[in-house]
Structures are given as structure tokens and as C-alpha cells.
Amino acid sequence: MKLRTSLSVLATVASCAIAGQAVAADAAPVGNVQNARDKVSMCIGCHGIPGYKASFPELYHVPMIAGQNAKYIEAALNEYKKGARSHPTMDAIAGSLSDQDIADLAAYYANLK
């Protein structure tokens, strides 16, 4: 009886471990603030200037993203990347970013005040 219980517990633990690995593999990348430091140069020119307005393709107020929620930044970049949002500059930039780049940039800007 004791062996049967031990085998049952072992099987349950093993199945949980396998399921946990599958969930981890599907999880979004975790952003790395340090890695983003080499990637922010493409953002600073517009998003780092208070009150900046872009004039292409029309007059557009560029939002400051410092301190913005990381999930919001990730969602916005992914929407530009997939075409759900559109702005010529953002489309090009987001299209060039990997999922890890997006996570890193989101973490970086979320940590700024």
C-alpha cells in the first residue's frame, strides 16, 4: 500500500513538473532593463522630448512613455508590429523588434520616472 501511494505521489509530481515546463515555455519573455540600454536610441528621439510633436504623416503628439506600465508598452509595440495600430515610424521600429527586445524596452521604460 505504501509503495502504491509513493508511486502515485511521484507520478503526480512528475506530471506537474512537465506541465510547469510547458507553461514556462509559452510565457512571454521577461524584460531586462540592462539589455534595453543598447536599444533605446531609436525611442529617445521622439519619446524622450517633453511636448514633442511629429509632423509626419500628420501633426501627432508623441506620448512620453517613461514610467508607463510595461504590459501597456508591450501591448502597444506588439500592436504596431502586427498592424493593429499604425504609424509609419512606429510600424518600422516595432517590426524590427524581437519579442525579447519588446520585453526589454517595456521593462526599461516602466522603470523610468
C-alpha atoms as a PDB file:
ATOM      1  CA  MET A   1       0.000   0.000   0.000  1.00  0.00           C
ATOM      2  CA  LYS A   2       2.783   2.397   0.927  1.00  0.00           C
ATOM      3  CA  LEU A   3       4.607   1.719  -2.372  1.00  0.00           C
ATOM      4  CA  ARG A   4       1.431   2.358  -4.354  1.00  0.00           C
ATOM      5  CA  THR A   5       0.914   5.722  -2.592  1.00  0.00           C
ATOM      6  CA  SER A   6       4.542   6.690  -3.144  1.00  0.00           C
ATOM      7  CA  LEU A   7       4.302   5.835  -6.845  1.00  0.00           C
ATOM      8  CA  SER A   8       1.081   7.832  -7.129  1.00  0.00           C
ATOM      9  CA  VAL A   9       2.656  10.862  -5.478  1.00  0.00           C
ATOM     10  CA  LEU A  10       5.741  10.532  -7.685  1.00  0.00           C
ATOM     11  CA  ALA A  11       3.600  10.362 -10.830  1.00  0.00           C
ATOM     12  CA  THR A  12       1.649  13.444  -9.755  1.00  0.00           C
ATOM     13  CA  VAL A  13       4.818  15.414  -9.045  1.00  0.00           C
ATOM     14  CA  ALA A  14       6.307  14.391 -12.391  1.00  0.00           C
ATOM     15  CA  SER A  15       3.195  15.432 -14.306  1.00  0.00           C
ATOM     16  CA  CYS A  16       3.159  18.815 -12.533  1.00  0.00           C
ATOM     17  CA  ALA A  17       6.811  19.363 -13.389  1.00  0.00           C
ATOM     18  CA  ILE A  18       6.183  18.594 -17.049  1.00  0.00           C
ATOM     19  CA  ALA A  19       3.106  20.849 -17.154  1.00  0.00           C
ATOM     20  CA  GLY A  20       5.067  23.644 -15.445  1.00  0.00           C
ATOM     21  CA  GLN A  21       7.783  23.442 -18.081  1.00  0.00           C
ATOM     22  CA  ALA A  22       5.185  23.679 -20.852  1.00  0.00           C
ATOM     23  CA  VAL A  23       3.632  26.764 -19.269  1.00  0.00           C
ATOM     24  CA  ALA A  24       7.065  28.367 -18.824  1.00  0.00           C
ATOM     25  CA  ALA A  25       7.870  27.754 -22.485  1.00  0.00           C
ATOM     26  CA  ASP A  26       4.661  29.569 -23.510  1.00  0.00           C
ATOM     27  CA  ALA A  27       5.279  32.536 -21.190  1.00  0.00           C
ATOM     28  CA  ALA A  28       6.273  35.894 -22.605  1.00  0.00           C
ATOM     29  CA  PRO A  29       9.932  36.869 -22.299  1.00  0.00           C
ATOM     30  CA  VAL A  30      10.916  38.699 -19.132  1.00  0.00           C
ATOM     31  CA  GLY A  31      12.294  42.154 -19.822  1.00  0.00           C
ATOM     32  CA  ASN A  32      15.865  43.032 -18.934  1.00  0.00           C
ATOM     33  CA  VAL A  33      16.452  46.712 -18.175  1.00  0.00           C
ATOM     34  CA  GLN A  34      20.217  46.446 -18.710  1.00  0.00           C
ATOM     35  CA  ASN A  35      19.841  44.883 -22.160  1.00  0.00           C
ATOM     36  CA  ALA A  36      17.450  47.641 -23.188  1.00  0.00           C
ATOM     37  CA  ARG A  37      20.072  50.356 -22.693  1.00  0.00           C
ATOM     38  CA  ASP A  38      21.561  49.460 -26.081  1.00  0.00           C
ATOM     39  CA  LYS A  39      18.140  49.534 -27.742  1.00  0.00           C
ATOM     40  CA  VAL A  40      16.583  52.805 -26.559  1.00  0.00           C
ATOM     41  CA  SER A  41      18.330  55.107 -29.013  1.00  0.00           C
ATOM     42  CA  MET A  42      15.526  54.552 -31.513  1.00  0.00           C
ATOM     43  CA  CYS A  43      12.950  55.666 -28.911  1.00  0.00           C
ATOM     44  CA  ILE A  44      14.622  58.643 -27.251  1.00  0.00           C
ATOM     45  CA  GLY A  45      14.462  60.895 -30.322  1.00  0.00           C
ATOM     46  CA  CYS A  46      10.684  61.173 -30.054  1.00  0.00           C
ATOM     47  CA  HIS A  47       9.546  59.768 -26.712  1.00  0.00           C
ATOM     48  CA  GLY A  48      12.275  61.487 -24.709  1.00  0.00           C
ATOM     49  CA  ILE A  49      11.370  65.072 -25.640  1.00  0.00           C
ATOM     50  CA  PRO A  50       8.644  66.681 -23.493  1.00  0.00           C
ATOM     51  CA  GLY A  51       5.840  68.081 -25.631  1.00  0.00           C
ATOM     52  CA  TYR A  52       7.290  66.692 -28.878  1.00  0.00           C
ATOM     53  CA  LYS A  53       5.004  66.580 -31.885  1.00  0.00           C
ATOM     54  CA  ALA A  54       5.782  64.588 -35.002  1.00  0.00           C
ATOM     55  CA  SER A  55       4.721  66.140 -38.285  1.00  0.00           C
ATOM     56  CA  PHE A  56       4.634  63.007 -40.423  1.00  0.00           C
ATOM     57  CA  PRO A  57       2.223  61.900 -41.770  1.00  0.00           C
ATOM     58  CA  GLU A  58       0.214  64.495 -39.823  1.00  0.00           C
ATOM     59  CA  LEU A  59       0.740  66.513 -36.661  1.00  0.00           C
ATOM     60  CA  TYR A  60       0.858  63.922 -33.907  1.00  0.00           C
ATOM     61  CA  HIS A  61       1.511  64.390 -30.199  1.00  0.00           C
ATOM     62  CA  VAL A  62       4.165  61.859 -29.180  1.00  0.00           C
ATOM     63  CA  PRO A  63       3.456  60.442 -25.714  1.00  0.00           C
ATOM     64  CA  MET A  64       6.066  60.308 -23.015  1.00  0.00           C
ATOM     65  CA  ILE A  65       6.483  56.644 -22.110  1.00  0.00           C
ATOM     66  CA  ALA A  66       8.779  56.914 -19.089  1.00  0.00           C
ATOM     67  CA  GLY A  67       7.007  55.300 -16.145  1.00  0.00           C
ATOM     68  CA  GLN A  68       4.304  53.771 -18.340  1.00  0.00           C
ATOM     69  CA  ASN A  69       3.106  50.284 -17.416  1.00  0.00           C
ATOM     70  CA  ALA A  70       5.340  47.618 -19.014  1.00  0.00           C
ATOM     71  CA  LYS A  71       2.391  45.484 -20.145  1.00  0.00           C
ATOM     72  CA  TYR A  72       0.885  48.509 -21.890  1.00  0.00           C
ATOM     73  CA  ILE A  73       4.153  49.245 -23.712  1.00  0.00           C
ATOM     74  CA  GLU A  74       4.485  45.595 -24.744  1.00  0.00           C
ATOM     75  CA  ALA A  75       0.899  45.517 -25.994  1.00  0.00           C
ATOM     76  CA  ALA A  76       1.330  48.756 -27.954  1.00  0.00           C
ATOM     77  CA  LEU A  77       4.575  47.616 -29.607  1.00  0.00           C
ATOM     78  CA  ASN A  78       3.045  44.259 -30.487  1.00  0.00           C
ATOM     79  CA  GLU A  79       0.011  46.011 -31.988  1.00  0.00           C
ATOM     80  CA  TYR A  80       2.294  48.162 -34.173  1.00  0.00           C
ATOM     81  CA  LYS A  81       4.277  45.063 -35.114  1.00  0.00           C
ATOM     82  CA  LYS A  82       1.121  43.162 -36.137  1.00  0.00           C
ATOM     83  CA  GLY A  83      -0.584  46.113 -37.841  1.00  0.00           C
ATOM     84  CA  ALA A  84      -3.402  46.589 -35.316  1.00  0.00           C
ATOM     85  CA  ARG A  85      -2.033  50.115 -34.708  1.00  0.00           C
ATOM     86  CA  SER A  86      -0.411  52.147 -37.396  1.00  0.00           C
ATOM     87  CA  HIS A  87       2.085  54.983 -37.606  1.00  0.00           C
ATOM     88  CA  PRO A  88       4.844  54.808 -40.233  1.00  0.00           C
ATOM     89  CA  THR A  89       7.737  55.290 -37.830  1.00  0.00           C
ATOM     90  CA  MET A  90       6.349  53.009 -35.136  1.00  0.00           C
ATOM     91  CA  ASP A  91       5.411  50.332 -37.684  1.00  0.00           C
ATOM     92  CA  ALA A  92       9.005  50.199 -38.909  1.00  0.00           C
ATOM     93  CA  ILE A  93      10.565  50.237 -35.463  1.00  0.00           C
ATOM     94  CA  ALA A  94       8.213  47.677 -33.924  1.00  0.00           C
ATOM     95  CA  GLY A  95       8.587  45.438 -36.964  1.00  0.00           C
ATOM     96  CA  SER A  96      12.325  45.282 -36.362  1.00  0.00           C
ATOM     97  CA  LEU A  97      11.989  44.218 -32.702  1.00  0.00           C
ATOM     98  CA  SER A  98      12.075  40.672 -31.375  1.00  0.00           C
ATOM     99  CA  ASP A  99       9.754  39.632 -28.536  1.00  0.00           C
ATOM    100  CA  GLN A 100      12.745  39.896 -26.192  1.00  0.00           C
ATOM    101  CA  ASP A 101      13.550  43.418 -27.465  1.00  0.00           C
ATOM    102  CA  ILE A 102       9.958  44.454 -26.760  1.00  0.00           C
ATOM    103  CA  ALA A 103      10.066  42.984 -23.247  1.00  0.00           C
ATOM    104  CA  ASP A 104      13.415  44.695 -22.563  1.00  0.00           C
ATOM    105  CA  LEU A 105      12.218  48.105 -23.790  1.00  0.00           C
ATOM    106  CA  ALA A 106       8.978  47.815 -21.828  1.00  0.00           C
ATOM    107  CA  ALA A 107      10.887  46.963 -18.641  1.00  0.00           C
ATOM    108  CA  TYR A 108      13.306  49.840 -19.218  1.00  0.00           C
ATOM    109  CA  TYR A 109      10.634  52.496 -19.742  1.00  0.00           C
ATOM    110  CA  ALA A 110       8.418  51.168 -16.943  1.00  0.00           C
ATOM    111  CA  ASN A 111      11.335  51.675 -14.526  1.00  0.00           C
ATOM    112  CA  LEU A 112      11.910  55.307 -15.508  1.00  0.00           C
ATOM    113  CA  LYS A 113      10.207  58.027 -13.538  1.00  0.00           C
END
